[in-house]
PDB file of N, CA and C in Angstrom:
ATOM      1  N   MET A   1     -36.538   6.138 -25.085  1.00  0.00           N
ATOM      2  CA  MET A   1     -36.113   7.172 -24.175  1.00  0.00           C
ATOM      3  C   MET A   1     -37.365   7.728 -23.485  1.00  0.00           C
ATOM      4  N   GLY A   2     -37.345   7.780 -22.136  1.00  0.00           N
ATOM      5  CA  GLY A   2     -38.492   8.272 -21.392  1.00  0.00           C
ATOM      6  C   GLY A   2     -38.680   9.772 -21.553  1.00  0.00           C
ATOM      7  N   LYS A   3     -39.900  10.198 -21.288  1.00  0.00           N
ATOM      8  CA  LYS A   3     -40.194  11.624 -21.411  1.00  0.00           C
ATOM      9  C   LYS A   3     -40.014  12.349 -20.092  1.00  0.00           C
ATOM     10  N   ASP A   4     -39.927  11.618 -18.979  1.00  0.00           N
ATOM     11  CA  ASP A   4     -39.697  12.251 -17.688  1.00  0.00           C
ATOM     12  C   ASP A   4     -38.293  12.827 -17.661  1.00  0.00           C
ATOM     13  N   ARG A   5     -38.171  14.054 -17.210  1.00  0.00           N
ATOM     14  CA  ARG A   5     -36.877  14.738 -17.184  1.00  0.00           C
ATOM     15  C   ARG A   5     -36.696  15.430 -15.843  1.00  0.00           C
ATOM     16  N   ILE A   6     -35.437  15.542 -15.415  1.00  0.00           N
ATOM     17  CA  ILE A   6     -35.100  16.358 -14.263  1.00  0.00           C
ATOM     18  C   ILE A   6     -33.913  17.225 -14.640  1.00  0.00           C
ATOM     19  N   ALA A   7     -33.741  18.313 -13.926  1.00  0.00           N
ATOM     20  CA  ALA A   7     -32.658  19.250 -14.229  1.00  0.00           C
ATOM     21  C   ALA A   7     -31.343  18.761 -13.632  1.00  0.00           C
ATOM     22  N   VAL A   8     -30.264  18.946 -14.390  1.00  0.00           N
ATOM     23  CA  VAL A   8     -28.907  18.695 -13.925  1.00  0.00           C
ATOM     24  C   VAL A   8     -28.117  19.959 -14.247  1.00  0.00           C
ATOM     25  N   TYR A   9     -27.407  20.487 -13.262  1.00  0.00           N
ATOM     26  CA  TYR A   9     -26.698  21.733 -13.459  1.00  0.00           C
ATOM     27  C   TYR A   9     -25.227  21.473 -13.723  1.00  0.00           C
ATOM     28  N   VAL A  10     -24.688  22.174 -14.709  1.00  0.00           N
ATOM     29  CA  VAL A  10     -23.271  22.098 -15.065  1.00  0.00           C
ATOM     30  C   VAL A  10     -22.725  23.518 -15.124  1.00  0.00           C
ATOM     31  N   SER A  11     -21.405  23.621 -15.106  1.00  0.00           N
ATOM     32  CA  SER A  11     -20.795  24.947 -15.180  1.00  0.00           C
ATOM     33  C   SER A  11     -21.083  25.575 -16.542  1.00  0.00           C
ATOM     34  N   LYS A  12     -21.024  26.872 -16.587  1.00  0.00           N
ATOM     35  CA  LYS A  12     -21.244  27.617 -17.844  1.00  0.00           C
ATOM     36  C   LYS A  12     -20.191  27.230 -18.870  1.00  0.00           C
ATOM     37  N   ASP A  13     -18.941  27.051 -18.431  1.00  0.00           N
ATOM     38  CA  ASP A  13     -17.869  26.654 -19.345  1.00  0.00           C
ATOM     39  C   ASP A  13     -18.178  25.316 -20.007  1.00  0.00           C
ATOM     40  N   LEU A  14     -18.622  24.350 -19.209  1.00  0.00           N
ATOM     41  CA  LEU A  14     -18.950  23.032 -19.759  1.00  0.00           C
ATOM     42  C   LEU A  14     -20.130  23.129 -20.710  1.00  0.00           C
ATOM     43  N   TYR A  15     -21.150  23.874 -20.319  1.00  0.00           N
ATOM     44  CA  TYR A  15     -22.309  24.063 -21.192  1.00  0.00           C
ATOM     45  C   TYR A  15     -21.893  24.658 -22.530  1.00  0.00           C
ATOM     46  N   ASP A  16     -21.045  25.683 -22.478  1.00  0.00           N
ATOM     47  CA  ASP A  16     -20.596  26.337 -23.716  1.00  0.00           C
ATOM     48  C   ASP A  16     -19.819  25.365 -24.609  1.00  0.00           C
ATOM     49  N   GLU A  17     -18.981  24.518 -24.011  1.00  0.00           N
ATOM     50  CA  GLU A  17     -18.222  23.533 -24.791  1.00  0.00           C
ATOM     51  C   GLU A  17     -19.156  22.518 -25.439  1.00  0.00           C
ATOM     52  N   VAL A  18     -20.122  22.041 -24.678  1.00  0.00           N
ATOM     53  CA  VAL A  18     -21.075  21.076 -25.224  1.00  0.00           C
ATOM     54  C   VAL A  18     -21.908  21.734 -26.318  1.00  0.00           C
ATOM     55  N   LYS A  19     -22.319  22.971 -26.101  1.00  0.00           N
ATOM     56  CA  LYS A  19     -23.098  23.705 -27.113  1.00  0.00           C
ATOM     57  C   LYS A  19     -22.305  23.824 -28.403  1.00  0.00           C
ATOM     58  N   ARG A  20     -21.003  24.095 -28.279  1.00  0.00           N
ATOM     59  CA  ARG A  20     -20.147  24.189 -29.468  1.00  0.00           C
ATOM     60  C   ARG A  20     -20.140  22.852 -30.215  1.00  0.00           C
ATOM     61  N   ARG A  21     -20.063  21.754 -29.470  1.00  0.00           N
ATOM     62  CA  ARG A  21     -20.056  20.427 -30.101  1.00  0.00           C
ATOM     63  C   ARG A  21     -21.399  20.114 -30.755  1.00  0.00           C
ATOM     64  N   VAL A  22     -22.476  20.501 -30.099  1.00  0.00           N
ATOM     65  CA  VAL A  22     -23.810  20.294 -30.678  1.00  0.00           C
ATOM     66  C   VAL A  22     -23.931  21.063 -31.982  1.00  0.00           C
ATOM     67  N   ASP A  23     -23.498  22.303 -31.961  1.00  0.00           N
ATOM     68  CA  ASP A  23     -23.577  23.144 -33.164  1.00  0.00           C
ATOM     69  C   ASP A  23     -22.726  22.578 -34.295  1.00  0.00           C
ATOM     70  N   GLY A  24     -21.633  21.914 -33.958  1.00  0.00           N
ATOM     71  CA  GLY A  24     -20.756  21.337 -34.969  1.00  0.00           C
ATOM     72  C   GLY A  24     -21.064  19.896 -35.313  1.00  0.00           C
ATOM     73  N   SER A  25     -22.159  19.364 -34.778  1.00  0.00           N
ATOM     74  CA  SER A  25     -22.466  17.949 -34.989  1.00  0.00           C
ATOM     75  C   SER A  25     -23.204  17.672 -36.296  1.00  0.00           C
ATOM     76  N   GLY A  26     -23.472  18.717 -37.054  1.00  0.00           N
ATOM     77  CA  GLY A  26     -24.159  18.523 -38.326  1.00  0.00           C
ATOM     78  C   GLY A  26     -25.581  18.012 -38.170  1.00  0.00           C
ATOM     79  N   GLY A  27     -26.216  18.371 -37.075  1.00  0.00           N
ATOM     80  CA  GLY A  27     -27.598  17.966 -36.848  1.00  0.00           C
ATOM     81  C   GLY A  27     -27.751  16.633 -36.143  1.00  0.00           C
ATOM     82  N   GLU A  28     -26.631  15.968 -35.837  1.00  0.00           N
ATOM     83  CA  GLU A  28     -26.725  14.685 -35.138  1.00  0.00           C
ATOM     84  C   GLU A  28     -27.361  14.860 -33.763  1.00  0.00           C
ATOM     85  N   PHE A  29     -27.037  15.971 -33.108  1.00  0.00           N
ATOM     86  CA  PHE A  29     -27.630  16.285 -31.815  1.00  0.00           C
ATOM     87  C   PHE A  29     -28.461  17.549 -31.965  1.00  0.00           C
ATOM     88  N   LYS A  30     -29.663  17.513 -31.430  1.00  0.00           N
ATOM     89  CA  LYS A  30     -30.597  18.629 -31.586  1.00  0.00           C
ATOM     90  C   LYS A  30     -30.421  19.700 -30.513  1.00  0.00           C
ATOM     91  N   SER A  31     -29.840  19.299 -29.364  1.00  0.00           N
ATOM     92  CA  SER A  31     -29.717  20.247 -28.257  1.00  0.00           C
ATOM     93  C   SER A  31     -28.621  19.777 -27.309  1.00  0.00           C
ATOM     94  N   VAL A  32     -28.248  20.668 -26.392  1.00  0.00           N
ATOM     95  CA  VAL A  32     -27.282  20.304 -25.358  1.00  0.00           C
ATOM     96  C   VAL A  32     -27.849  19.160 -24.523  1.00  0.00           C
ATOM     97  N   GLU A  33     -29.127  19.230 -24.195  1.00  0.00           N
ATOM     98  CA  GLU A  33     -29.757  18.183 -23.402  1.00  0.00           C
ATOM     99  C   GLU A  33     -29.679  16.839 -24.115  1.00  0.00           C
ATOM    100  N   ASN A  34     -29.903  16.828 -25.420  1.00  0.00           N
ATOM    101  CA  ASN A  34     -29.835  15.601 -26.217  1.00  0.00           C
ATOM    102  C   ASN A  34     -28.424  15.024 -26.204  1.00  0.00           C
ATOM    103  N   TYR A  35     -27.429  15.886 -26.324  1.00  0.00           N
ATOM    104  CA  TYR A  35     -26.021  15.473 -26.317  1.00  0.00           C
ATOM    105  C   TYR A  35     -25.645  14.887 -24.963  1.00  0.00           C
ATOM    106  N   VAL A  36     -25.988  15.592 -23.892  1.00  0.00           N
ATOM    107  CA  VAL A  36     -25.648  15.141 -22.544  1.00  0.00           C
ATOM    108  C   VAL A  36     -26.344  13.815 -22.243  1.00  0.00           C
ATOM    109  N   ASP A  37     -27.593  13.670 -22.627  1.00  0.00           N
ATOM    110  CA  ASP A  37     -28.321  12.421 -22.434  1.00  0.00           C
ATOM    111  C   ASP A  37     -27.604  11.272 -23.142  1.00  0.00           C
ATOM    112  N   PHE A  38     -27.184  11.500 -24.375  1.00  0.00           N
ATOM    113  CA  PHE A  38     -26.470  10.480 -25.145  1.00  0.00           C
ATOM    114  C   PHE A  38     -25.166  10.082 -24.467  1.00  0.00           C
ATOM    115  N   VAL A  39     -24.368  11.076 -24.072  1.00  0.00           N
ATOM    116  CA  VAL A  39     -23.061  10.806 -23.467  1.00  0.00           C
ATOM    117  C   VAL A  39     -23.229  10.045 -22.150  1.00  0.00           C
ATOM    118  N   LEU A  40     -24.150  10.473 -21.319  1.00  0.00           N
ATOM    119  CA  LEU A  40     -24.351   9.790 -20.044  1.00  0.00           C
ATOM    120  C   LEU A  40     -24.827   8.354 -20.237  1.00  0.00           C
ATOM    121  N   ARG A  41     -25.706   8.129 -21.194  1.00  0.00           N
ATOM    122  CA  ARG A  41     -26.153   6.753 -21.472  1.00  0.00           C
ATOM    123  C   ARG A  41     -24.979   5.877 -21.925  1.00  0.00           C
ATOM    124  N   GLU A  42     -24.097   6.430 -22.742  1.00  0.00           N
ATOM    125  CA  GLU A  42     -22.927   5.676 -23.208  1.00  0.00           C
ATOM    126  C   GLU A  42     -21.988   5.347 -22.056  1.00  0.00           C
ATOM    127  N   VAL A  43     -21.768   6.292 -21.164  1.00  0.00           N
ATOM    128  CA  VAL A  43     -20.891   6.067 -20.017  1.00  0.00           C
ATOM    129  C   VAL A  43     -21.475   4.988 -19.112  1.00  0.00           C
ATOM    130  N   VAL A  44     -22.756   5.070 -18.823  1.00  0.00           N
ATOM    131  CA  VAL A  44     -23.407   4.078 -17.967  1.00  0.00           C
ATOM    132  C   VAL A  44     -23.345   2.696 -18.618  1.00  0.00           C
ATOM    133  N   LYS A  45     -23.604   2.631 -19.911  1.00  0.00           N
ATOM    134  CA  LYS A  45     -23.561   1.349 -20.620  1.00  0.00           C
ATOM    135  C   LYS A  45     -22.151   0.755 -20.574  1.00  0.00           C
ATOM    136  N   GLU A  46     -21.151   1.586 -20.758  1.00  0.00           N
ATOM    137  CA  GLU A  46     -19.762   1.148 -20.726  1.00  0.00           C
ATOM    138  C   GLU A  46     -19.389   0.599 -19.346  1.00  0.00           C
ATOM    139  N   GLU A  47     -19.802   1.299 -18.299  1.00  0.00           N
ATOM    140  CA  GLU A  47     -19.508   0.850 -16.943  1.00  0.00           C
ATOM    141  C   GLU A  47     -20.201  -0.474 -16.639  1.00  0.00           C
ATOM    142  N   GLU A  48     -21.433  -0.640 -17.121  1.00  0.00           N
ATOM    143  CA  GLU A  48     -22.150  -1.896 -16.911  1.00  0.00           C
ATOM    144  C   GLU A  48     -21.430  -3.042 -17.608  1.00  0.00           C
ATOM    145  N   GLU A  49     -20.926  -2.796 -18.800  1.00  0.00           N
ATOM    146  CA  GLU A  49     -20.197  -3.830 -19.531  1.00  0.00           C
ATOM    147  C   GLU A  49     -18.903  -4.191 -18.819  1.00  0.00           C
ATOM    148  N   GLU A  50     -18.209  -3.197 -18.257  1.00  0.00           N
ATOM    149  CA  GLU A  50     -16.977  -3.450 -17.516  1.00  0.00           C
ATOM    150  C   GLU A  50     -17.257  -4.279 -16.267  1.00  0.00           C
ATOM    151  N   GLU A  51     -18.362  -3.984 -15.591  1.00  0.00           N
ATOM    152  CA  GLU A  51     -18.725  -4.734 -14.395  1.00  0.00           C
ATOM    153  C   GLU A  51     -18.992  -6.197 -14.735  1.00  0.00           C
ATOM    154  N   LYS A  52     -19.599  -6.448 -15.871  1.00  0.00           N
ATOM    155  CA  LYS A  52     -19.891  -7.814 -16.295  1.00  0.00           C
ATOM    156  C   LYS A  52     -18.621  -8.589 -16.606  1.00  0.00           C
ATOM    157  N   GLN A  53     -17.556  -7.898 -16.987  1.00  0.00           N
ATOM    158  CA  GLN A  53     -16.332  -8.549 -17.410  1.00  0.00           C
ATOM    159  C   GLN A  53     -15.305  -8.686 -16.294  1.00  0.00           C
ATOM    160  N   SER A  54     -15.627  -8.258 -15.086  1.00  0.00           N
ATOM    161  CA  SER A  54     -14.642  -8.327 -14.013  1.00  0.00           C
ATOM    162  C   SER A  54     -14.521  -9.757 -13.495  1.00  0.00           C
ATOM    163  N   TYR A  55     -13.371 -10.069 -12.929  1.00  0.00           N
ATOM    164  CA  TYR A  55     -13.080 -11.402 -12.431  1.00  0.00           C
ATOM    165  C   TYR A  55     -13.221 -11.444 -10.914  1.00  0.00           C
ATOM    166  N   THR A  56     -13.575 -12.616 -10.394  1.00  0.00           N
ATOM    167  CA  THR A  56     -13.584 -12.810  -8.950  1.00  0.00           C
ATOM    168  C   THR A  56     -12.140 -12.931  -8.480  1.00  0.00           C
ATOM    169  N   LYS A  57     -11.937 -12.831  -7.182  1.00  0.00           N
ATOM    170  CA  LYS A  57     -10.581 -12.983  -6.628  1.00  0.00           C
ATOM    171  C   LYS A  57     -10.001 -14.344  -6.990  1.00  0.00           C
ATOM    172  N   GLU A  58     -10.835 -15.369  -6.939  1.00  0.00           N
ATOM    173  CA  GLU A  58     -10.370 -16.716  -7.270  1.00  0.00           C
ATOM    174  C   GLU A  58      -9.943 -16.817  -8.729  1.00  0.00           C
ATOM    175  N   GLU A  59     -10.740 -16.195  -9.608  1.00  0.00           N
ATOM    176  CA  GLU A  59     -10.402 -16.200 -11.035  1.00  0.00           C
ATOM    177  C   GLU A  59      -9.104 -15.444 -11.284  1.00  0.00           C
ATOM    178  N   GLU A  60      -8.926 -14.313 -10.601  1.00  0.00           N
ATOM    179  CA  GLU A  60      -7.689 -13.545 -10.758  1.00  0.00           C
ATOM    180  C   GLU A  60      -6.482 -14.367 -10.321  1.00  0.00           C
ATOM    181  N   GLU A  61      -6.611 -15.072  -9.206  1.00  0.00           N
ATOM    182  CA  GLU A  61      -5.509 -15.906  -8.717  1.00  0.00           C
ATOM    183  C   GLU A  61      -5.188 -17.017  -9.708  1.00  0.00           C
ATOM    184  N   GLU A  62      -6.212 -17.628 -10.281  1.00  0.00           N
ATOM    185  CA  GLU A  62      -6.006 -18.693 -11.268  1.00  0.00           C
ATOM    186  C   GLU A  62      -5.302 -18.142 -12.516  1.00  0.00           C
ATOM    187  N   ILE A  63      -5.703 -16.969 -12.947  1.00  0.00           N
ATOM    188  CA  ILE A  63      -5.066 -16.337 -14.110  1.00  0.00           C
ATOM    189  C   ILE A  63      -3.603 -16.041 -13.810  1.00  0.00           C
ATOM    190  N   LYS A  64      -3.331 -15.512 -12.617  1.00  0.00           N
ATOM    191  CA  LYS A  64      -1.949 -15.219 -12.235  1.00  0.00           C
ATOM    192  C   LYS A  64      -1.107 -16.493 -12.217  1.00  0.00           C
ATOM    193  N   LYS A  65      -1.672 -17.587 -11.693  1.00  0.00           N
ATOM    194  CA  LYS A  65      -0.953 -18.863 -11.666  1.00  0.00           C
ATOM    195  C   LYS A  65      -0.620 -19.323 -13.085  1.00  0.00           C
ATOM    196  N   ARG A  66      -1.593 -19.212 -13.965  1.00  0.00           N
ATOM    197  CA  ARG A  66      -1.375 -19.630 -15.361  1.00  0.00           C
ATOM    198  C   ARG A  66      -0.308 -18.770 -16.038  1.00  0.00           C
ATOM    199  N   LEU A  67      -0.389 -17.461 -15.844  1.00  0.00           N
ATOM    200  CA  LEU A  67       0.605 -16.561 -16.443  1.00  0.00           C
ATOM    201  C   LEU A  67       1.997 -16.831 -15.875  1.00  0.00           C
ATOM    202  N   LYS A  68       2.059 -17.106 -14.569  1.00  0.00           N
ATOM    203  CA  LYS A  68       3.355 -17.398 -13.959  1.00  0.00           C
ATOM    204  C   LYS A  68       3.914 -18.696 -14.511  1.00  0.00           C
ATOM    205  N   SER A  69       3.068 -19.722 -14.680  1.00  0.00           N
ATOM    206  CA  SER A  69       3.549 -20.995 -15.213  1.00  0.00           C
ATOM    207  C   SER A  69       4.014 -20.881 -16.651  1.00  0.00           C
ATOM    208  N   LEU A  70       3.491 -19.890 -17.361  1.00  0.00           N
ATOM    209  CA  LEU A  70       3.903 -19.651 -18.739  1.00  0.00           C
ATOM    210  C   LEU A  70       5.113 -18.722 -18.837  1.00  0.00           C
ATOM    211  N   GLY A  71       5.551 -18.217 -17.666  1.00  0.00           N
ATOM    212  CA  GLY A  71       6.732 -17.362 -17.639  1.00  0.00           C
ATOM    213  C   GLY A  71       6.464 -15.892 -17.851  1.00  0.00           C
ATOM    214  N   TYR A  72       5.197 -15.477 -17.803  1.00  0.00           N
ATOM    215  CA  TYR A  72       4.870 -14.066 -18.008  1.00  0.00           C
ATOM    216  C   TYR A  72       4.977 -13.254 -16.728  1.00  0.00           C
ATOM    217  N   LEU A  73       4.910 -13.916 -15.587  1.00  0.00           N
ATOM    218  CA  LEU A  73       5.028 -13.214 -14.302  1.00  0.00           C
ATOM    219  C   LEU A  73       6.197 -13.749 -13.526  1.00  0.00           C
TER     220      LEU A  73
END
């Protein structure tokens, strides 16, 4: 994890909710910033994995043809 940081502003309500979760994490998260960093990294990683698993238009058409021939469509 890099040491360079920039500020990101969130609503007070969201901050308070995240703070509550940090306080209830049993020490897993040291701060709101640590929690937010973790969550954002997980979201970005998940989106990258989804992008890798997407099909081209040609692949989608081939899948549809196969499903139709099997009686699913």
